[in-house]
């Protein structure tokens, strides 16, 4: 396989796996443990969950943008 194509596919796989892991962690915490749905009032675990959700989303977007801004190295 060509080195440029291999690097491109690695970036795609890395981006997809990281995004799926992020979704899995947050869906588990939000749905299974009930942190995403405040019952009667908002408690501190709900606030911590939403702060984590936003902070980790910002980090994920920053990482993926930084990953895709690197130039491709094509070696022959």
N, C-alpha and C. Protein backbone atom coordinates (compact mmCIF):
# COMPACT_ATOMS: atom_id res chain seq x y z
N UNK A 1 0.85 -1.17 0.00
CA UNK A 1 0.00 0.00 0.00
C UNK A 1 0.90 1.24 0.00
N UNK A 2 0.45 2.25 -0.69
CA UNK A 2 1.21 3.50 -0.78
C UNK A 2 1.32 4.15 0.59
N UNK A 3 2.46 4.78 0.91
CA UNK A 3 2.62 5.41 2.22
C UNK A 3 1.64 6.56 2.46
N UNK A 4 1.33 7.34 1.44
CA UNK A 4 0.39 8.44 1.59
C UNK A 4 -1.02 7.95 1.91
N UNK A 5 -1.41 6.88 1.24
CA UNK A 5 -2.73 6.30 1.48
C UNK A 5 -2.80 5.69 2.86
N UNK A 6 -1.70 5.03 3.27
CA UNK A 6 -1.65 4.42 4.60
C UNK A 6 -1.81 5.50 5.69
N UNK A 7 -1.12 6.63 5.53
CA UNK A 7 -1.22 7.72 6.52
C UNK A 7 -2.63 8.32 6.52
N UNK A 8 -3.22 8.47 5.34
CA UNK A 8 -4.58 8.99 5.24
C UNK A 8 -5.58 8.08 5.95
N UNK A 9 -5.46 6.77 5.73
CA UNK A 9 -6.36 5.82 6.38
C UNK A 9 -6.14 5.77 7.89
N UNK A 10 -4.89 5.94 8.33
CA UNK A 10 -4.62 6.00 9.77
C UNK A 10 -5.29 7.21 10.41
N UNK A 11 -5.27 8.34 9.70
CA UNK A 11 -5.93 9.54 10.24
C UNK A 11 -7.44 9.34 10.32
N UNK A 12 -8.01 8.73 9.30
CA UNK A 12 -9.45 8.47 9.32
C UNK A 12 -9.80 7.53 10.47
N UNK A 13 -9.05 6.45 10.60
CA UNK A 13 -9.31 5.48 11.66
C UNK A 13 -9.12 6.09 13.04
N UNK A 14 -8.08 6.87 13.21
CA UNK A 14 -7.81 7.52 14.49
C UNK A 14 -8.95 8.48 14.85
N UNK A 15 -9.40 9.27 13.89
CA UNK A 15 -10.49 10.22 14.13
C UNK A 15 -11.79 9.50 14.49
N UNK A 16 -12.11 8.45 13.75
CA UNK A 16 -13.35 7.73 14.00
C UNK A 16 -13.32 7.01 15.35
N UNK A 17 -12.21 6.37 15.67
CA UNK A 17 -12.11 5.64 16.94
C UNK A 17 -12.18 6.58 18.12
N UNK A 18 -11.52 7.71 18.03
CA UNK A 18 -11.56 8.66 19.13
C UNK A 18 -12.96 9.25 19.31
N UNK A 19 -13.63 9.56 18.20
CA UNK A 19 -14.99 10.10 18.30
C UNK A 19 -15.95 9.05 18.87
N UNK A 20 -15.81 7.81 18.45
CA UNK A 20 -16.68 6.75 18.98
C UNK A 20 -16.41 6.49 20.46
N UNK A 21 -15.15 6.53 20.87
CA UNK A 21 -14.82 6.36 22.28
C UNK A 21 -15.41 7.49 23.11
N UNK A 22 -15.32 8.71 22.59
CA UNK A 22 -15.90 9.88 23.28
C UNK A 22 -17.41 9.69 23.44
N UNK A 23 -18.07 9.27 22.36
CA UNK A 23 -19.52 9.07 22.43
C UNK A 23 -19.89 7.95 23.40
N UNK A 24 -19.13 6.87 23.39
CA UNK A 24 -19.40 5.74 24.27
C UNK A 24 -19.27 6.14 25.74
N UNK A 25 -18.20 6.85 26.07
CA UNK A 25 -18.00 7.28 27.46
C UNK A 25 -19.12 8.21 27.91
N UNK A 26 -19.46 9.19 27.09
CA UNK A 26 -20.47 10.16 27.49
C UNK A 26 -21.89 9.59 27.47
N UNK A 27 -22.16 8.69 26.55
CA UNK A 27 -23.49 8.05 26.54
C UNK A 27 -23.65 7.14 27.75
N UNK A 28 -22.58 6.43 28.11
CA UNK A 28 -22.65 5.57 29.28
C UNK A 28 -22.88 6.39 30.55
N UNK A 29 -22.10 7.45 30.70
CA UNK A 29 -22.25 8.28 31.89
C UNK A 29 -23.60 9.01 31.90
N UNK A 30 -24.03 9.47 30.75
CA UNK A 30 -25.26 10.25 30.69
C UNK A 30 -26.53 9.43 30.79
N UNK A 31 -26.56 8.29 30.11
CA UNK A 31 -27.79 7.49 30.08
C UNK A 31 -27.80 6.44 31.18
N UNK A 32 -26.76 5.61 31.23
CA UNK A 32 -26.78 4.51 32.19
C UNK A 32 -26.75 5.00 33.64
N UNK A 33 -25.90 5.98 33.91
CA UNK A 33 -25.79 6.49 35.27
C UNK A 33 -26.71 7.67 35.55
N UNK A 34 -27.48 8.09 34.55
CA UNK A 34 -28.50 9.11 34.74
C UNK A 34 -27.98 10.53 34.93
N UNK A 35 -26.75 10.79 34.53
CA UNK A 35 -26.20 12.13 34.74
C UNK A 35 -26.69 13.13 33.69
N UNK A 36 -27.14 12.66 32.57
CA UNK A 36 -27.60 13.54 31.51
C UNK A 36 -29.02 14.02 31.68
N UNK A 37 -29.77 13.38 32.57
CA UNK A 37 -31.18 13.72 32.75
C UNK A 37 -31.44 14.06 34.21
N UNK A 38 -31.42 15.34 34.57
CA UNK A 38 -31.73 15.70 35.96
C UNK A 38 -33.19 15.37 36.27
N UNK A 39 -33.41 14.73 37.41
CA UNK A 39 -34.76 14.30 37.79
C UNK A 39 -35.65 15.51 38.15
N UNK A 40 -35.52 16.00 39.36
CA UNK A 40 -36.35 17.13 39.80
C UNK A 40 -35.58 18.44 39.79
N UNK A 41 -34.33 18.37 40.18
CA UNK A 41 -33.49 19.56 40.16
C UNK A 41 -32.08 19.16 39.75
N UNK A 42 -31.31 20.18 39.39
CA UNK A 42 -29.94 19.93 38.94
C UNK A 42 -29.04 19.81 40.16
N UNK A 43 -28.29 18.70 40.22
CA UNK A 43 -27.37 18.47 41.34
C UNK A 43 -25.94 18.59 40.82
N UNK A 44 -24.99 18.56 41.74
CA UNK A 44 -23.59 18.77 41.33
C UNK A 44 -23.07 17.68 40.40
N UNK A 45 -23.49 16.41 40.51
CA UNK A 45 -22.98 15.44 39.51
C UNK A 45 -23.45 15.76 38.09
N UNK A 46 -24.65 16.31 37.95
CA UNK A 46 -25.13 16.71 36.63
C UNK A 46 -24.28 17.85 36.06
N UNK A 47 -23.93 18.80 36.91
CA UNK A 47 -23.12 19.93 36.47
C UNK A 47 -21.72 19.45 36.06
N UNK A 48 -21.14 18.57 36.87
CA UNK A 48 -19.81 18.02 36.55
C UNK A 48 -19.86 17.26 35.23
N UNK A 49 -20.93 16.50 35.01
CA UNK A 49 -21.06 15.75 33.76
C UNK A 49 -21.11 16.69 32.56
N UNK A 50 -21.91 17.74 32.63
CA UNK A 50 -22.03 18.65 31.50
C UNK A 50 -20.77 19.47 31.28
N UNK A 51 -20.07 19.82 32.34
CA UNK A 51 -18.77 20.51 32.18
C UNK A 51 -17.79 19.56 31.50
N UNK A 52 -17.74 18.31 31.95
CA UNK A 52 -16.88 17.30 31.32
C UNK A 52 -17.24 17.11 29.86
N UNK A 53 -18.54 17.04 29.57
CA UNK A 53 -19.01 16.83 28.21
C UNK A 53 -18.51 17.95 27.29
N UNK A 54 -18.68 19.19 27.70
CA UNK A 54 -18.25 20.31 26.87
C UNK A 54 -16.74 20.40 26.76
N UNK A 55 -16.04 20.21 27.88
CA UNK A 55 -14.57 20.30 27.85
C UNK A 55 -13.98 19.19 26.98
N UNK A 56 -14.49 17.98 27.10
CA UNK A 56 -13.96 16.88 26.30
C UNK A 56 -14.32 17.04 24.83
N UNK A 57 -15.47 17.64 24.53
CA UNK A 57 -15.84 17.90 23.13
C UNK A 57 -14.90 18.93 22.51
N UNK A 58 -14.59 19.97 23.27
CA UNK A 58 -13.65 20.99 22.77
C UNK A 58 -12.28 20.35 22.51
N UNK A 59 -11.82 19.51 23.45
CA UNK A 59 -10.54 18.84 23.26
C UNK A 59 -10.56 17.92 22.05
N UNK A 60 -11.65 17.17 21.87
CA UNK A 60 -11.77 16.26 20.74
C UNK A 60 -11.71 17.01 19.42
N UNK A 61 -12.44 18.09 19.31
CA UNK A 61 -12.44 18.89 18.08
C UNK A 61 -11.05 19.48 17.84
N UNK A 62 -10.42 19.99 18.90
CA UNK A 62 -9.08 20.56 18.77
C UNK A 62 -8.09 19.51 18.28
N UNK A 63 -8.15 18.31 18.84
CA UNK A 63 -7.24 17.23 18.47
C UNK A 63 -7.44 16.81 17.02
N UNK A 64 -8.69 16.66 16.60
CA UNK A 64 -8.96 16.22 15.23
C UNK A 64 -8.55 17.28 14.22
N UNK A 65 -8.82 18.54 14.53
CA UNK A 65 -8.39 19.61 13.63
C UNK A 65 -6.87 19.65 13.52
N UNK A 66 -6.18 19.52 14.67
CA UNK A 66 -4.73 19.51 14.67
C UNK A 66 -4.18 18.30 13.90
N UNK A 67 -4.83 17.17 14.04
CA UNK A 67 -4.41 15.96 13.33
C UNK A 67 -4.51 16.14 11.82
N UNK A 68 -5.59 16.76 11.35
CA UNK A 68 -5.81 16.90 9.92
C UNK A 68 -5.08 18.09 9.31
N UNK A 69 -4.56 19.00 10.13
CA UNK A 69 -3.80 20.13 9.60
C UNK A 69 -2.36 19.75 9.26
N UNK A 70 -1.87 18.66 9.86
CA UNK A 70 -0.50 18.22 9.55
C UNK A 70 -0.43 17.83 8.08
N UNK A 71 0.65 18.23 7.42
CA UNK A 71 0.77 17.84 6.00
C UNK A 71 1.06 16.34 5.87
N UNK A 72 0.62 15.80 4.76
CA UNK A 72 0.88 14.40 4.49
C UNK A 72 2.33 14.23 4.04
N UNK A 73 2.97 13.20 4.53
CA UNK A 73 4.34 12.90 4.15
C UNK A 73 4.27 11.77 3.12
N UNK A 74 4.64 12.10 1.91
CA UNK A 74 4.61 11.10 0.84
C UNK A 74 6.05 10.73 0.51
N UNK A 75 6.41 9.51 0.86
CA UNK A 75 7.76 9.02 0.60
C UNK A 75 7.71 8.05 -0.57
N UNK A 76 8.67 8.17 -1.43
CA UNK A 76 8.70 7.26 -2.58
C UNK A 76 9.91 6.39 -2.53
